[in-house]
Amino acid sequence: MTDVEIHTGDIRLDQFLKRAGEVPSGGAVKGLVAAGRITRNNVLETARRRKLVPGDIVAVEGGGTYRVASV
């Protein structure tokens, strides 16, 4: 699991996965969500613009697992 630091109180899922280096653009997250390849806190994610807060854990099937960390 990799910690990804954010400098705000929350961050959108698409922005977070870009920051983590998992996707080249926020738009790429749309396809991952549609394919059911992303979970947040072990629950299938259905919205690419979902707000994440520190402590949330995001996993991408076939990719990495990341924890939202505050600075």
N, C-alpha and C. Protein backbone atom coordinates (compact mmCIF):
# COMPACT_ATOMS: atom_id res chain seq x y z
N MET A 1 0.85 -1.17 0.00
CA MET A 1 0.00 0.00 0.00
C MET A 1 0.90 1.24 0.00
N THR A 2 0.51 2.20 -0.80
CA THR A 2 1.26 3.44 -0.94
C THR A 2 0.45 4.60 -0.39
N ASP A 3 1.05 5.40 0.48
CA ASP A 3 0.39 6.61 0.96
C ASP A 3 0.56 7.71 -0.07
N VAL A 4 -0.54 8.40 -0.38
CA VAL A 4 -0.51 9.54 -1.30
C VAL A 4 -1.00 10.74 -0.52
N GLU A 5 -0.11 11.73 -0.36
CA GLU A 5 -0.44 12.90 0.46
C GLU A 5 -1.29 13.90 -0.32
N ILE A 6 -2.27 14.47 0.39
CA ILE A 6 -3.06 15.55 -0.17
C ILE A 6 -2.90 16.76 0.75
N HIS A 7 -3.10 17.94 0.20
CA HIS A 7 -2.90 19.17 0.96
C HIS A 7 -4.22 19.86 1.29
N THR A 8 -5.33 19.18 1.04
CA THR A 8 -6.65 19.73 1.31
C THR A 8 -7.42 18.74 2.18
N GLY A 9 -8.63 19.09 2.58
CA GLY A 9 -9.43 18.21 3.42
C GLY A 9 -9.98 17.00 2.69
N ASP A 10 -10.15 17.14 1.36
CA ASP A 10 -10.64 16.02 0.56
C ASP A 10 -10.11 16.17 -0.86
N ILE A 11 -10.32 15.14 -1.67
CA ILE A 11 -9.87 15.14 -3.05
C ILE A 11 -10.79 14.21 -3.84
N ARG A 12 -11.05 14.55 -5.10
CA ARG A 12 -11.89 13.68 -5.93
C ARG A 12 -11.09 12.45 -6.36
N LEU A 13 -11.81 11.35 -6.55
CA LEU A 13 -11.18 10.09 -6.93
C LEU A 13 -10.33 10.23 -8.19
N ASP A 14 -10.85 10.89 -9.23
CA ASP A 14 -10.08 11.01 -10.46
C ASP A 14 -8.79 11.81 -10.25
N GLN A 15 -8.85 12.88 -9.47
CA GLN A 15 -7.66 13.67 -9.17
C GLN A 15 -6.66 12.85 -8.35
N PHE A 16 -7.19 12.08 -7.41
CA PHE A 16 -6.34 11.27 -6.54
C PHE A 16 -5.55 10.23 -7.33
N LEU A 17 -6.23 9.52 -8.24
CA LEU A 17 -5.54 8.49 -9.00
C LEU A 17 -4.52 9.08 -9.98
N LYS A 18 -4.76 10.30 -10.45
CA LYS A 18 -3.76 10.99 -11.25
C LYS A 18 -2.54 11.31 -10.39
N ARG A 19 -2.78 11.83 -9.20
CA ARG A 19 -1.68 12.18 -8.29
C ARG A 19 -0.87 10.94 -7.91
N ALA A 20 -1.56 9.81 -7.77
CA ALA A 20 -0.88 8.56 -7.40
C ALA A 20 -0.07 7.99 -8.57
N GLY A 21 -0.33 8.49 -9.79
CA GLY A 21 0.37 7.97 -10.96
C GLY A 21 -0.26 6.71 -11.53
N GLU A 22 -1.46 6.39 -11.10
CA GLU A 22 -2.15 5.18 -11.56
C GLU A 22 -2.74 5.36 -12.96
N VAL A 23 -3.14 6.59 -13.28
CA VAL A 23 -3.75 6.88 -14.59
C VAL A 23 -3.10 8.12 -15.18
N PRO A 24 -3.07 8.22 -16.53
CA PRO A 24 -2.45 9.39 -17.15
C PRO A 24 -3.35 10.63 -17.11
N SER A 25 -4.67 10.43 -17.00
CA SER A 25 -5.59 11.56 -16.96
C SER A 25 -6.81 11.18 -16.13
N GLY A 26 -7.51 12.21 -15.66
CA GLY A 26 -8.71 11.95 -14.88
C GLY A 26 -9.78 11.22 -15.67
N GLY A 27 -9.83 11.46 -16.98
CA GLY A 27 -10.80 10.79 -17.83
C GLY A 27 -10.62 9.29 -17.90
N ALA A 28 -9.40 8.82 -17.69
CA ALA A 28 -9.12 7.38 -17.73
C ALA A 28 -9.82 6.66 -16.58
N VAL A 29 -10.13 7.38 -15.52
CA VAL A 29 -10.80 6.77 -14.37
C VAL A 29 -12.21 6.34 -14.74
N LYS A 30 -12.84 7.05 -15.65
CA LYS A 30 -14.21 6.74 -16.07
C LYS A 30 -14.31 5.29 -16.54
N GLY A 31 -13.37 4.86 -17.37
CA GLY A 31 -13.37 3.48 -17.86
C GLY A 31 -13.13 2.47 -16.77
N LEU A 32 -12.25 2.79 -15.82
CA LEU A 32 -11.98 1.87 -14.70
C LEU A 32 -13.22 1.71 -13.83
N VAL A 33 -13.91 2.81 -13.56
CA VAL A 33 -15.13 2.75 -12.75
C VAL A 33 -16.20 1.95 -13.49
N ALA A 34 -16.37 2.22 -14.79
CA ALA A 34 -17.39 1.52 -15.58
C ALA A 34 -17.12 0.02 -15.62
N ALA A 35 -15.84 -0.36 -15.62
CA ALA A 35 -15.48 -1.78 -15.67
C ALA A 35 -15.51 -2.44 -14.29
N GLY A 36 -15.80 -1.67 -13.24
CA GLY A 36 -15.85 -2.23 -11.89
C GLY A 36 -14.48 -2.60 -11.36
N ARG A 37 -13.46 -1.82 -11.69
CA ARG A 37 -12.08 -2.15 -11.31
C ARG A 37 -11.54 -1.33 -10.15
N ILE A 38 -12.39 -0.47 -9.55
CA ILE A 38 -11.92 0.37 -8.44
C ILE A 38 -12.78 0.12 -7.21
N THR A 39 -12.12 -0.05 -6.06
CA THR A 39 -12.84 -0.12 -4.79
C THR A 39 -12.33 0.99 -3.88
N ARG A 40 -13.22 1.48 -3.03
CA ARG A 40 -12.87 2.45 -1.99
C ARG A 40 -13.29 1.84 -0.67
N ASN A 41 -12.34 1.63 0.22
CA ASN A 41 -12.62 1.01 1.51
C ASN A 41 -13.34 -0.33 1.33
N ASN A 42 -12.87 -1.12 0.37
CA ASN A 42 -13.39 -2.47 0.06
C ASN A 42 -14.81 -2.48 -0.48
N VAL A 43 -15.29 -1.35 -1.00
CA VAL A 43 -16.62 -1.27 -1.61
C VAL A 43 -16.44 -0.83 -3.05
N LEU A 44 -17.11 -1.50 -3.98
CA LEU A 44 -17.03 -1.16 -5.39
C LEU A 44 -17.40 0.30 -5.61
N GLU A 45 -16.55 1.03 -6.30
CA GLU A 45 -16.79 2.46 -6.54
C GLU A 45 -17.59 2.66 -7.82
N THR A 46 -18.58 3.55 -7.76
CA THR A 46 -19.45 3.78 -8.91
C THR A 46 -19.40 5.22 -9.42
N ALA A 47 -18.61 6.08 -8.79
CA ALA A 47 -18.55 7.50 -9.19
C ALA A 47 -17.10 7.95 -9.26
N ARG A 48 -16.68 8.41 -10.44
CA ARG A 48 -15.29 8.82 -10.59
C ARG A 48 -14.97 10.12 -9.88
N ARG A 49 -16.01 10.89 -9.54
CA ARG A 49 -15.78 12.15 -8.84
C ARG A 49 -16.08 12.07 -7.34
N ARG A 50 -16.12 10.86 -6.81
CA ARG A 50 -16.37 10.65 -5.39
C ARG A 50 -15.31 11.39 -4.57
N LYS A 51 -15.73 12.04 -3.51
CA LYS A 51 -14.80 12.74 -2.62
C LYS A 51 -14.13 11.73 -1.69
N LEU A 52 -12.82 11.80 -1.63
CA LEU A 52 -12.04 10.96 -0.73
C LEU A 52 -11.51 11.82 0.40
N VAL A 53 -11.38 11.24 1.57
CA VAL A 53 -10.85 11.94 2.74
C VAL A 53 -9.68 11.14 3.30
N PRO A 54 -8.81 11.80 4.08
CA PRO A 54 -7.69 11.07 4.66
C PRO A 54 -8.14 9.80 5.38
N GLY A 55 -7.42 8.72 5.13
CA GLY A 55 -7.75 7.42 5.71
C GLY A 55 -8.43 6.49 4.72
N ASP A 56 -9.05 7.04 3.67
CA ASP A 56 -9.68 6.20 2.65
C ASP A 56 -8.62 5.36 1.94
N ILE A 57 -8.99 4.15 1.58
CA ILE A 57 -8.09 3.25 0.86
C ILE A 57 -8.73 2.94 -0.49
N VAL A 58 -7.97 3.19 -1.55
CA VAL A 58 -8.44 2.98 -2.92
C VAL A 58 -7.59 1.89 -3.55
N ALA A 59 -8.25 0.90 -4.14
CA ALA A 59 -7.54 -0.19 -4.81
C ALA A 59 -8.02 -0.27 -6.26
N VAL A 60 -7.05 -0.46 -7.16
CA VAL A 60 -7.35 -0.60 -8.58
C VAL A 60 -7.00 -2.03 -8.98
N GLU A 61 -7.98 -2.76 -9.47
CA GLU A 61 -7.75 -4.14 -9.91
C GLU A 61 -6.67 -4.13 -10.99
N GLY A 62 -5.64 -4.93 -10.80
CA GLY A 62 -4.54 -4.98 -11.75
C GLY A 62 -3.56 -3.83 -11.57
N GLY A 63 -3.76 -3.03 -10.55
CA GLY A 63 -2.91 -1.88 -10.28
C GLY A 63 -2.51 -1.84 -8.82
N GLY A 64 -2.45 -0.66 -8.28
CA GLY A 64 -1.98 -0.50 -6.91
C GLY A 64 -3.08 -0.27 -5.90
N THR A 65 -2.65 -0.21 -4.65
CA THR A 65 -3.53 0.11 -3.53
C THR A 65 -2.93 1.35 -2.85
N TYR A 66 -3.78 2.34 -2.62
CA TYR A 66 -3.33 3.63 -2.13
C TYR A 66 -4.17 4.09 -0.96
N ARG A 67 -3.49 4.77 0.00
CA ARG A 67 -4.20 5.35 1.14
C ARG A 67 -4.10 6.87 1.03
N VAL A 68 -5.22 7.55 1.25
CA VAL A 68 -5.24 8.99 1.25
C VAL A 68 -4.61 9.46 2.57
N ALA A 69 -3.55 10.26 2.46
CA ALA A 69 -2.84 10.74 3.65
C ALA A 69 -2.82 12.25 3.63
N SER A 70 -3.06 12.86 4.79
CA SER A 70 -3.00 14.33 4.85
C SER A 70 -1.60 14.75 5.27
N VAL A 71 -1.24 15.94 4.86
CA VAL A 71 0.11 16.47 5.16
C VAL A 71 0.11 17.06 6.54
